[in-house]
Amino acid sequence: MNRATQWIHAWLLLLPAAALLALFTHYPAVANLWHSFFSTPKGARPAVFVGLDNYRNLVDDPIFWQAFANNLWYALGTIPTSIAIAIAMAVWVNDRLPGRGFLRLAYFTPTVLPMIAVANIWLFFFTPEYGLLEQVTGALGFASHNWLGSKETALPALMVVTIWKEAGFFMIFYLAALQSMSPHLAEAAAIEGASRWYFFRRVTLPLLMPTTLFVLVNAVINAFRLVDHVFVMTRGGPDSATTLLLYYVYEIGFRFWDSAYAAALTMVLLALLAVVALAQFFFLDRKVHYQ
């Protein structure tokens, strides 16, 4: 088989996946960019070309900047915490301890629950006066507090829900990475007298960097595409304190029916995610060890 025939076979094998990717990913992105330069059609009034007007309105939109700041704080609060907890859980359940199968199942269970179900469960926990969290804090002598109705605690409450759901999912990747490592590394370190913390810091953690890079990219994407929890628990309130970027896109597009402005918001969000993903790959590539 010559080289040309191999290339033809390779492209034929890639064609179904490439077609689906182009149809459901690339074409919607290009179409969304095109629509962001037009006005929203309403009734008998068709869409007209407005150039960068939608983007100018975005710059002057205070709710957009509030949602942008909320999303940054949300990402900074959930991503490092989820990854750190996932690593700790993976290291723990990777050891030979009684009931580790049950622990793995318990840690992974939140991941398989639907997002709406998770939001409703935690909505009961945060309910003022009779929620589970209120019962615990009341028993400890603390005053009742509306966790989702206060601007100071509403966003942190959403962060707690996300960390609870995502840490177990990330743990699976770290556990798989730990189990693929050679046990001879730990044996050699023990012979040399290295402590477990030193071995983890100088050997285990560097070898986990490929997994960390993969998890980090997924965690960033998840942090900027949250809608379900916000919709069920706070609907962006109070006073836009929990309005995140994608939820704001949803509100503009499906509540106020301004599809053109929603398209401009979507393009800004896609550009932001692309920049963050590229920065992660370029800056973390030097710290990634694949062998």
C-alpha atoms as a PDB file:
ATOM      1  CA  MET A   1       0.000   0.000   0.000  1.00  0.00           C
ATOM      2  CA  ASN A   2       1.541   3.309  -1.089  1.00  0.00           C
ATOM      3  CA  ARG A   3       1.525   6.527   0.933  1.00  0.00           C
ATOM      4  CA  ALA A   4      -1.326   8.139  -1.050  1.00  0.00           C
ATOM      5  CA  THR A   5      -3.593   5.161  -0.426  1.00  0.00           C
ATOM      6  CA  GLN A   6      -2.790   5.306   3.296  1.00  0.00           C
ATOM      7  CA  TRP A   7      -3.741   8.982   3.391  1.00  0.00           C
ATOM      8  CA  ILE A   8      -7.028   8.277   1.615  1.00  0.00           C
ATOM      9  CA  HIS A   9      -7.875   5.472   4.044  1.00  0.00           C
ATOM     10  CA  ALA A  10      -6.957   7.683   7.013  1.00  0.00           C
ATOM     11  CA  TRP A  11      -9.173  10.546   5.836  1.00  0.00           C
ATOM     12  CA  LEU A  12     -12.050   8.167   5.103  1.00  0.00           C
ATOM     13  CA  LEU A  13     -11.803   6.869   8.666  1.00  0.00           C
ATOM     14  CA  LEU A  14     -11.758  10.443  10.014  1.00  0.00           C
ATOM     15  CA  LEU A  15     -14.568  11.658   7.777  1.00  0.00           C
ATOM     16  CA  PRO A  16     -17.577  10.706   9.980  1.00  0.00           C
ATOM     17  CA  ALA A  17     -16.088  12.316  13.092  1.00  0.00           C
ATOM     18  CA  ALA A  18     -14.876  15.344  11.108  1.00  0.00           C
ATOM     19  CA  ALA A  19     -18.317  15.795   9.545  1.00  0.00           C
ATOM     20  CA  LEU A  20     -20.037  15.686  12.937  1.00  0.00           C
ATOM     21  CA  LEU A  21     -17.484  18.100  14.388  1.00  0.00           C
ATOM     22  CA  ALA A  22     -17.928  20.529  11.503  1.00  0.00           C
ATOM     23  CA  LEU A  23     -21.718  20.269  11.569  1.00  0.00           C
ATOM     24  CA  PHE A  24     -22.283  20.618  15.298  1.00  0.00           C
ATOM     25  CA  THR A  25     -19.234  22.659  16.407  1.00  0.00           C
ATOM     26  CA  HIS A  26     -17.525  24.648  13.656  1.00  0.00           C
ATOM     27  CA  TYR A  27     -20.594  25.653  11.641  1.00  0.00           C
ATOM     28  CA  PRO A  28     -22.565  26.873  14.718  1.00  0.00           C
ATOM     29  CA  ALA A  29     -19.547  28.914  15.837  1.00  0.00           C
ATOM     30  CA  VAL A  30     -19.150  30.565  12.432  1.00  0.00           C
ATOM     31  CA  ALA A  31     -22.908  31.144  12.116  1.00  0.00           C
ATOM     32  CA  ASN A  32     -22.997  32.632  15.615  1.00  0.00           C
ATOM     33  CA  LEU A  33     -20.158  35.023  14.697  1.00  0.00           C
ATOM     34  CA  TRP A  34     -22.060  36.064  11.567  1.00  0.00           C
ATOM     35  CA  HIS A  35     -25.300  36.717  13.458  1.00  0.00           C
ATOM     36  CA  SER A  36     -23.488  38.812  16.062  1.00  0.00           C
ATOM     37  CA  PHE A  37     -23.005  41.521  13.415  1.00  0.00           C
ATOM     38  CA  PHE A  38     -26.752  41.808  12.768  1.00  0.00           C
ATOM     39  CA  SER A  39     -29.717  43.077  14.742  1.00  0.00           C
ATOM     40  CA  THR A  40     -32.349  40.776  16.195  1.00  0.00           C
ATOM     41  CA  PRO A  41     -35.263  40.191  13.787  1.00  0.00           C
ATOM     42  CA  LYS A  42     -38.604  41.067  15.361  1.00  0.00           C
ATOM     43  CA  GLY A  43     -41.929  40.398  13.713  1.00  0.00           C
ATOM     44  CA  ALA A  44     -42.034  41.864  10.231  1.00  0.00           C
ATOM     45  CA  ARG A  45     -38.730  43.698  10.767  1.00  0.00           C
ATOM     46  CA  PRO A  46     -35.862  41.611   9.380  1.00  0.00           C
ATOM     47  CA  ALA A  47     -32.351  41.558  10.756  1.00  0.00           C
ATOM     48  CA  VAL A  48     -30.082  44.325   9.465  1.00  0.00           C
ATOM     49  CA  PHE A  49     -26.325  44.621   9.511  1.00  0.00           C
ATOM     50  CA  VAL A  50     -25.191  46.695  12.510  1.00  0.00           C
ATOM     51  CA  GLY A  51     -21.468  45.947  12.495  1.00  0.00           C
ATOM     52  CA  LEU A  52     -19.912  46.118  15.943  1.00  0.00           C
ATOM     53  CA  ASP A  53     -22.915  47.712  17.656  1.00  0.00           C
ATOM     54  CA  ASN A  54     -23.666  44.594  19.683  1.00  0.00           C
ATOM     55  CA  TYR A  55     -20.096  44.506  20.936  1.00  0.00           C
ATOM     56  CA  ARG A  56     -20.199  48.221  21.794  1.00  0.00           C
ATOM     57  CA  ASN A  57     -23.375  47.618  23.795  1.00  0.00           C
ATOM     58  CA  LEU A  58     -21.592  44.770  25.557  1.00  0.00           C
ATOM     59  CA  VAL A  59     -18.763  47.046  26.673  1.00  0.00           C
ATOM     60  CA  ASP A  60     -21.304  49.464  28.176  1.00  0.00           C
ATOM     61  CA  ASP A  61     -23.368  46.707  29.829  1.00  0.00           C
ATOM     62  CA  PRO A  62     -22.820  46.698  33.624  1.00  0.00           C
ATOM     63  CA  ILE A  63     -24.533  43.325  34.066  1.00  0.00           C
ATOM     64  CA  PHE A  64     -22.082  41.748  31.617  1.00  0.00           C
ATOM     65  CA  TRP A  65     -19.138  43.016  33.652  1.00  0.00           C
ATOM     66  CA  GLN A  66     -20.818  41.824  36.836  1.00  0.00           C
ATOM     67  CA  ALA A  67     -21.306  38.370  35.306  1.00  0.00           C
ATOM     68  CA  PHE A  68     -17.700  38.395  34.077  1.00  0.00           C
ATOM     69  CA  ALA A  69     -16.380  39.232  37.560  1.00  0.00           C
ATOM     70  CA  ASN A  70     -18.678  36.623  39.133  1.00  0.00           C
ATOM     71  CA  ASN A  71     -17.376  33.986  36.738  1.00  0.00           C
ATOM     72  CA  LEU A  72     -13.759  34.827  37.488  1.00  0.00           C
ATOM     73  CA  TRP A  73     -14.340  34.543  41.231  1.00  0.00           C
ATOM     74  CA  TYR A  74     -16.334  31.367  40.675  1.00  0.00           C
ATOM     75  CA  ALA A  75     -13.500  29.815  38.632  1.00  0.00           C
ATOM     76  CA  LEU A  76     -10.831  30.871  41.133  1.00  0.00           C
ATOM     77  CA  GLY A  77     -12.871  29.426  43.988  1.00  0.00           C
ATOM     78  CA  THR A  78     -13.865  26.104  42.436  1.00  0.00           C
ATOM     79  CA  ILE A  79     -11.023  24.989  40.145  1.00  0.00           C
ATOM     80  CA  PRO A  80      -8.041  24.848  42.556  1.00  0.00           C
ATOM     81  CA  THR A  81     -10.188  23.517  45.388  1.00  0.00           C
ATOM     82  CA  SER A  82     -11.770  20.767  43.275  1.00  0.00           C
ATOM     83  CA  ILE A  83      -8.389  19.648  41.909  1.00  0.00           C
ATOM     84  CA  ALA A  84      -6.722  19.650  45.340  1.00  0.00           C
ATOM     85  CA  ILE A  85      -9.555  17.626  46.890  1.00  0.00           C
ATOM     86  CA  ALA A  86      -9.566  15.237  43.915  1.00  0.00           C
ATOM     87  CA  ILE A  87      -5.825  14.567  44.295  1.00  0.00           C
ATOM     88  CA  ALA A  88      -6.185  14.035  48.044  1.00  0.00           C
ATOM     89  CA  MET A  89      -9.089  11.607  47.582  1.00  0.00           C
ATOM     90  CA  ALA A  90      -7.281   9.716  44.815  1.00  0.00           C
ATOM     91  CA  VAL A  91      -4.136   9.305  46.898  1.00  0.00           C
ATOM     92  CA  TRP A  92      -6.194   8.116  49.859  1.00  0.00           C
ATOM     93  CA  VAL A  93      -8.327   5.530  48.036  1.00  0.00           C
ATOM     94  CA  ASN A  94      -5.278   4.317  46.088  1.00  0.00           C
ATOM     95  CA  ASP A  95      -3.777   2.974  49.318  1.00  0.00           C
ATOM     96  CA  ARG A  96      -4.636  -0.440  50.686  1.00  0.00           C
ATOM     97  CA  LEU A  97      -7.207   0.453  53.292  1.00  0.00           C
ATOM     98  CA  PRO A  98     -10.376  -1.331  54.435  1.00  0.00           C
ATOM     99  CA  GLY A  99     -13.505  -0.379  52.496  1.00  0.00           C
ATOM    100  CA  ARG A 100     -11.680   1.530  49.760  1.00  0.00           C
ATOM    101  CA  GLY A 101     -14.175   0.242  47.177  1.00  0.00           C
ATOM    102  CA  PHE A 102     -17.005   1.809  49.166  1.00  0.00           C
ATOM    103  CA  LEU A 103     -15.032   5.051  49.504  1.00  0.00           C
ATOM    104  CA  ARG A 104     -14.420   5.204  45.765  1.00  0.00           C
ATOM    105  CA  LEU A 105     -18.114   4.689  45.130  1.00  0.00           C
ATOM    106  CA  ALA A 106     -19.069   7.324  47.694  1.00  0.00           C
ATOM    107  CA  TYR A 107     -16.695   9.882  46.190  1.00  0.00           C
ATOM    108  CA  PHE A 108     -17.854   9.173  42.643  1.00  0.00           C
ATOM    109  CA  THR A 109     -21.605   9.095  43.358  1.00  0.00           C
ATOM    110  CA  PRO A 110     -22.179  12.899  43.094  1.00  0.00           C
ATOM    111  CA  THR A 111     -20.754  12.776  39.573  1.00  0.00           C
ATOM    112  CA  VAL A 112     -23.451  10.472  38.220  1.00  0.00           C
ATOM    113  CA  LEU A 113     -26.310  12.498  39.683  1.00  0.00           C
ATOM    114  CA  PRO A 114     -28.091  14.822  37.232  1.00  0.00           C
ATOM    115  CA  MET A 115     -27.220  18.492  37.595  1.00  0.00           C
ATOM    116  CA  ILE A 116     -30.845  19.443  38.283  1.00  0.00           C
ATOM    117  CA  ALA A 117     -31.110  16.794  41.010  1.00  0.00           C
ATOM    118  CA  VAL A 118     -27.897  18.025  42.642  1.00  0.00           C
ATOM    119  CA  ALA A 119     -29.169  21.607  42.582  1.00  0.00           C
ATOM    120  CA  ASN A 120     -32.459  20.598  44.207  1.00  0.00           C
ATOM    121  CA  ILE A 121     -30.688  18.574  46.895  1.00  0.00           C
ATOM    122  CA  TRP A 122     -28.487  21.508  47.839  1.00  0.00           C
ATOM    123  CA  LEU A 123     -31.417  23.891  47.551  1.00  0.00           C
ATOM    124  CA  PHE A 124     -32.958  21.975  50.439  1.00  0.00           C
ATOM    125  CA  PHE A 125     -29.665  22.155  52.371  1.00  0.00           C
ATOM    126  CA  PHE A 126     -29.541  25.949  51.995  1.00  0.00           C
ATOM    127  CA  THR A 127     -33.236  26.598  52.722  1.00  0.00           C
ATOM    128  CA  PRO A 128     -33.560  29.206  55.504  1.00  0.00           C
ATOM    129  CA  GLU A 129     -34.812  28.098  58.936  1.00  0.00           C
ATOM    130  CA  TYR A 130     -35.469  24.414  58.195  1.00  0.00           C
ATOM    131  CA  GLY A 131     -32.736  23.358  55.723  1.00  0.00           C
ATOM    132  CA  LEU A 132     -30.076  20.842  56.789  1.00  0.00           C
ATOM    133  CA  LEU A 133     -27.359  23.492  56.991  1.00  0.00           C
ATOM    134  CA  GLU A 134     -29.643  25.671  59.090  1.00  0.00           C
ATOM    135  CA  GLN A 135     -30.345  22.788  61.436  1.00  0.00           C
ATOM    136  CA  VAL A 136     -26.626  22.207  61.965  1.00  0.00           C
ATOM    137  CA  THR A 137     -25.718  25.871  62.437  1.00  0.00           C
ATOM    138  CA  GLY A 138     -28.758  26.369  64.688  1.00  0.00           C
ATOM    139  CA  ALA A 139     -27.671  23.476  66.895  1.00  0.00           C
ATOM    140  CA  LEU A 140     -24.256  25.137  67.210  1.00  0.00           C
ATOM    141  CA  GLY A 141     -25.869  28.378  68.339  1.00  0.00           C
ATOM    142  CA  PHE A 142     -25.528  30.410  65.148  1.00  0.00           C
ATOM    143  CA  ALA A 143     -28.293  32.691  63.883  1.00  0.00           C
ATOM    144  CA  SER A 144     -30.424  31.759  60.881  1.00  0.00           C
ATOM    145  CA  HIS A 145     -29.065  32.936  57.542  1.00  0.00           C
ATOM    146  CA  ASN A 146     -30.450  33.015  54.003  1.00  0.00           C
ATOM    147  CA  TRP A 147     -27.444  31.540  52.206  1.00  0.00           C
ATOM    148  CA  LEU A 148     -28.820  31.906  48.680  1.00  0.00           C
ATOM    149  CA  GLY A 149     -30.603  35.180  49.359  1.00  0.00           C
ATOM    150  CA  SER A 150     -27.568  37.096  50.548  1.00  0.00           C
ATOM    151  CA  LYS A 151     -25.150  38.763  48.109  1.00  0.00           C
ATOM    152  CA  GLU A 152     -22.214  37.827  50.332  1.00  0.00           C
ATOM    153  CA  THR A 153     -22.921  34.079  50.501  1.00  0.00           C
ATOM    154  CA  ALA A 154     -24.922  33.213  47.359  1.00  0.00           C
ATOM    155  CA  LEU A 155     -21.922  32.763  45.044  1.00  0.00           C
ATOM    156  CA  PRO A 156     -19.827  30.844  47.621  1.00  0.00           C
ATOM    157  CA  ALA A 157     -22.838  28.555  48.131  1.00  0.00           C
ATOM    158  CA  LEU A 158     -22.854  27.751  44.412  1.00  0.00           C
ATOM    159  CA  MET A 159     -19.103  27.101  44.610  1.00  0.00           C
ATOM    160  CA  VAL A 160     -19.639  24.522  47.346  1.00  0.00           C
ATOM    161  CA  VAL A 161     -22.153  22.660  45.179  1.00  0.00           C
ATOM    162  CA  THR A 162     -19.773  22.605  42.213  1.00  0.00           C
ATOM    163  CA  ILE A 163     -16.822  21.398  44.287  1.00  0.00           C
ATOM    164  CA  TRP A 164     -18.963  18.637  45.817  1.00  0.00           C
ATOM    165  CA  LYS A 165     -20.024  17.436  42.367  1.00  0.00           C
ATOM    166  CA  GLU A 166     -16.786  17.784  40.395  1.00  0.00           C
ATOM    167  CA  ALA A 167     -14.128  16.629  42.872  1.00  0.00           C
ATOM    168  CA  GLY A 168     -15.225  12.979  42.586  1.00  0.00           C
ATOM    169  CA  PHE A 169     -15.214  13.177  38.795  1.00  0.00           C
ATOM    170  CA  PHE A 170     -11.652  14.519  38.711  1.00  0.00           C
ATOM    171  CA  MET A 171     -10.632  11.915  41.287  1.00  0.00           C
ATOM    172  CA  ILE A 172     -11.252   9.132  38.751  1.00  0.00           C
ATOM    173  CA  PHE A 173      -8.611  10.535  36.395  1.00  0.00           C
ATOM    174  CA  TYR A 174      -6.066  10.956  39.164  1.00  0.00           C
ATOM    175  CA  LEU A 175      -6.763   7.473  40.493  1.00  0.00           C
ATOM    176  CA  ALA A 176      -6.183   5.998  37.035  1.00  0.00           C
ATOM    177  CA  ALA A 177      -2.925   7.950  36.752  1.00  0.00           C
ATOM    178  CA  LEU A 178      -1.741   6.767  40.177  1.00  0.00           C
ATOM    179  CA  GLN A 179      -2.495   3.150  39.360  1.00  0.00           C
ATOM    180  CA  SER A 180      -0.503   3.395  36.111  1.00  0.00           C
ATOM    181  CA  MET A 181       2.659   4.452  37.973  1.00  0.00           C
ATOM    182  CA  SER A 182       5.323   1.829  38.600  1.00  0.00           C
ATOM    183  CA  PRO A 183       5.370   0.615  42.238  1.00  0.00           C
ATOM    184  CA  HIS A 184       9.166   0.404  41.982  1.00  0.00           C
ATOM    185  CA  LEU A 185       9.351   4.190  42.315  1.00  0.00           C
ATOM    186  CA  ALA A 186       7.857   4.111  45.809  1.00  0.00           C
ATOM    187  CA  GLU A 187       9.997   1.123  46.768  1.00  0.00           C
ATOM    188  CA  ALA A 188      13.186   2.874  45.647  1.00  0.00           C
ATOM    189  CA  ALA A 189      12.192   6.049  47.515  1.00  0.00           C
ATOM    190  CA  ALA A 190      11.485   4.036  50.684  1.00  0.00           C
ATOM    191  CA  ILE A 191      14.897   2.362  50.465  1.00  0.00           C
ATOM    192  CA  GLU A 192      16.533   5.783  50.138  1.00  0.00           C
ATOM    193  CA  GLY A 193      14.669   6.947  53.239  1.00  0.00           C
ATOM    194  CA  ALA A 194      12.435   9.510  51.536  1.00  0.00           C
ATOM    195  CA  SER A 195       9.296  10.475  53.432  1.00  0.00           C
ATOM    196  CA  ARG A 196       5.869   9.998  51.878  1.00  0.00           C
ATOM    197  CA  TRP A 197       5.395  13.765  51.583  1.00  0.00           C
ATOM    198  CA  TYR A 198       8.783  14.192  49.872  1.00  0.00           C
ATOM    199  CA  PHE A 199       7.985  11.340  47.468  1.00  0.00           C
ATOM    200  CA  PHE A 200       4.575  12.838  46.702  1.00  0.00           C
ATOM    201  CA  ARG A 201       5.986  16.328  46.148  1.00  0.00           C
ATOM    202  CA  ARG A 202       9.038  15.371  44.065  1.00  0.00           C
ATOM    203  CA  VAL A 203       7.846  12.236  42.235  1.00  0.00           C
ATOM    204  CA  THR A 204       4.084  11.701  42.317  1.00  0.00           C
ATOM    205  CA  LEU A 205       2.966  15.272  41.686  1.00  0.00           C
ATOM    206  CA  PRO A 206       5.265  15.849  38.654  1.00  0.00           C
ATOM    207  CA  LEU A 207       4.122  12.541  37.145  1.00  0.00           C
ATOM    208  CA  LEU A 208       0.506  13.655  37.616  1.00  0.00           C
ATOM    209  CA  MET A 209       1.018  16.835  35.582  1.00  0.00           C
ATOM    210  CA  PRO A 210      -0.375  15.418  32.283  1.00  0.00           C
ATOM    211  CA  THR A 211      -3.538  14.448  34.159  1.00  0.00           C
ATOM    212  CA  THR A 212      -3.595  17.808  35.916  1.00  0.00           C
ATOM    213  CA  LEU A 213      -3.383  19.628  32.582  1.00  0.00           C
ATOM    214  CA  PHE A 214      -6.283  17.591  31.208  1.00  0.00           C
ATOM    215  CA  VAL A 215      -8.348  18.102  34.359  1.00  0.00           C
ATOM    216  CA  LEU A 216      -7.534  21.809  34.469  1.00  0.00           C
ATOM    217  CA  VAL A 217      -8.744  22.408  30.916  1.00  0.00           C
ATOM    218  CA  ASN A 218     -11.989  20.574  31.663  1.00  0.00           C
ATOM    219  CA  ALA A 219     -12.427  22.396  34.966  1.00  0.00           C
ATOM    220  CA  VAL A 220     -12.052  25.795  33.286  1.00  0.00           C
ATOM    221  CA  ILE A 221     -14.596  24.876  30.613  1.00  0.00           C
ATOM    222  CA  ASN A 222     -17.013  23.624  33.272  1.00  0.00           C
ATOM    223  CA  ALA A 223     -16.572  26.807  35.307  1.00  0.00           C
ATOM    224  CA  PHE A 224     -17.659  28.973  32.368  1.00  0.00           C
ATOM    225  CA  ARG A 225     -20.561  26.851  31.150  1.00  0.00           C
ATOM    226  CA  LEU A 226     -22.610  26.536  34.317  1.00  0.00           C
ATOM    227  CA  VAL A 227     -26.333  27.156  33.844  1.00  0.00           C
ATOM    228  CA  ASP A 228     -28.255  24.406  35.641  1.00  0.00           C
ATOM    229  CA  HIS A 229     -27.299  25.240  39.215  1.00  0.00           C
ATOM    230  CA  VAL A 230     -27.841  28.950  38.737  1.00  0.00           C
ATOM    231  CA  PHE A 231     -31.220  28.435  37.090  1.00  0.00           C
ATOM    232  CA  VAL A 232     -32.543  26.152  39.828  1.00  0.00           C
ATOM    233  CA  MET A 233     -30.974  27.702  42.907  1.00  0.00           C
ATOM    234  CA  THR A 234     -30.733  31.467  42.416  1.00  0.00           C
ATOM    235  CA  ARG A 235     -31.752  32.500  38.871  1.00  0.00           C
ATOM    236  CA  GLY A 236     -28.822  34.882  38.929  1.00  0.00           C
ATOM    237  CA  GLY A 237     -29.869  36.709  42.094  1.00  0.00           C
ATOM    238  CA  PRO A 238     -29.813  38.357  44.437  1.00  0.00           C
ATOM    239  CA  ASP A 239     -29.108  41.537  42.459  1.00  0.00           C
ATOM    240  CA  SER A 240     -27.073  39.617  39.820  1.00  0.00           C
ATOM    241  CA  ALA A 241     -24.697  38.335  42.506  1.00  0.00           C
ATOM    242  CA  THR A 242     -24.710  34.830  40.993  1.00  0.00           C
ATOM    243  CA  THR A 243     -25.212  35.713  37.337  1.00  0.00           C
ATOM    244  CA  LEU A 244     -22.508  33.875  35.384  1.00  0.00           C
ATOM    245  CA  LEU A 245     -21.621  34.456  31.743  1.00  0.00           C
ATOM    246  CA  LEU A 246     -23.418  31.516  30.167  1.00  0.00           C
ATOM    247  CA  TYR A 247     -26.492  32.078  32.324  1.00  0.00           C
ATOM    248  CA  TYR A 248     -26.502  35.696  31.164  1.00  0.00           C
ATOM    249  CA  VAL A 249     -26.335  34.472  27.556  1.00  0.00           C
ATOM    250  CA  TYR A 250     -29.318  32.215  28.303  1.00  0.00           C
ATOM    251  CA  GLU A 251     -31.286  35.115  29.803  1.00  0.00           C
ATOM    252  CA  ILE A 252     -30.579  37.457  26.912  1.00  0.00           C
ATOM    253  CA  GLY A 253     -31.316  34.848  24.277  1.00  0.00           C
ATOM    254  CA  PHE A 254     -34.330  33.003  25.712  1.00  0.00           C
ATOM    255  CA  ARG A 255     -35.844  35.372  28.243  1.00  0.00           C
ATOM    256  CA  PHE A 256     -35.478  38.702  26.464  1.00  0.00           C
ATOM    257  CA  TRP A 257     -35.276  37.170  22.944  1.00  0.00           C
ATOM    258  CA  ASP A 258     -32.343  39.311  21.865  1.00  0.00           C
ATOM    259  CA  SER A 259     -30.561  36.672  19.819  1.00  0.00           C
ATOM    260  CA  ALA A 260     -28.071  39.062  18.218  1.00  0.00           C
ATOM    261  CA  TYR A 261     -26.788  40.391  21.537  1.00  0.00           C
ATOM    262  CA  ALA A 262     -26.707  36.823  22.884  1.00  0.00           C
ATOM    263  CA  ALA A 263     -24.572  35.847  19.863  1.00  0.00           C
ATOM    264  CA  ALA A 264     -22.102  38.637  20.676  1.00  0.00           C
ATOM    265  CA  LEU A 265     -21.938  37.490  24.301  1.00  0.00           C
ATOM    266  CA  THR A 266     -21.348  33.920  23.149  1.00  0.00           C
ATOM    267  CA  MET A 267     -18.449  34.964  20.923  1.00  0.00           C
ATOM    268  CA  VAL A 268     -16.811  36.815  23.808  1.00  0.00           C
ATOM    269  CA  LEU A 269     -17.204  33.725  25.991  1.00  0.00           C
ATOM    270  CA  LEU A 270     -15.729  31.456  23.287  1.00  0.00           C
ATOM    271  CA  ALA A 271     -12.796  33.828  22.787  1.00  0.00           C
ATOM    272  CA  LEU A 272     -12.170  33.926  26.533  1.00  0.00           C
ATOM    273  CA  LEU A 273     -12.170  30.130  26.796  1.00  0.00           C
ATOM    274  CA  ALA A 274      -9.866  29.819  23.781  1.00  0.00           C
ATOM    275  CA  VAL A 275      -7.345  32.246  25.270  1.00  0.00           C
ATOM    276  CA  VAL A 276      -7.408  30.503  28.647  1.00  0.00           C
ATOM    277  CA  ALA A 277      -7.012  27.049  27.069  1.00  0.00           C
ATOM    278  CA  LEU A 278      -4.084  28.160  24.896  1.00  0.00           C
ATOM    279  CA  ALA A 279      -2.409  29.816  27.879  1.00  0.00           C
ATOM    280  CA  GLN A 280      -2.778  26.615  29.892  1.00  0.00           C
ATOM    281  CA  PHE A 281      -1.170  24.509  27.184  1.00  0.00           C
ATOM    282  CA  PHE A 282       1.696  26.917  26.495  1.00  0.00           C
ATOM    283  CA  PHE A 283       2.586  27.817  30.087  1.00  0.00           C
ATOM    284  CA  LEU A 284       2.061  24.384  31.626  1.00  0.00           C
ATOM    285  CA  ASP A 285       3.738  22.441  28.832  1.00  0.00           C
ATOM    286  CA  ARG A 286       7.156  22.942  30.445  1.00  0.00           C
ATOM    287  CA  LYS A 287       5.897  21.371  33.681  1.00  0.00           C
ATOM    288  CA  VAL A 288       4.318  18.329  32.059  1.00  0.00           C
ATOM    289  CA  HIS A 289       6.302  15.081  32.204  1.00  0.00           C
ATOM    290  CA  TYR A 290       4.926  12.227  30.133  1.00  0.00           C
ATOM    291  CA  GLN A 291       7.473   9.636  31.257  1.00  0.00           C
END
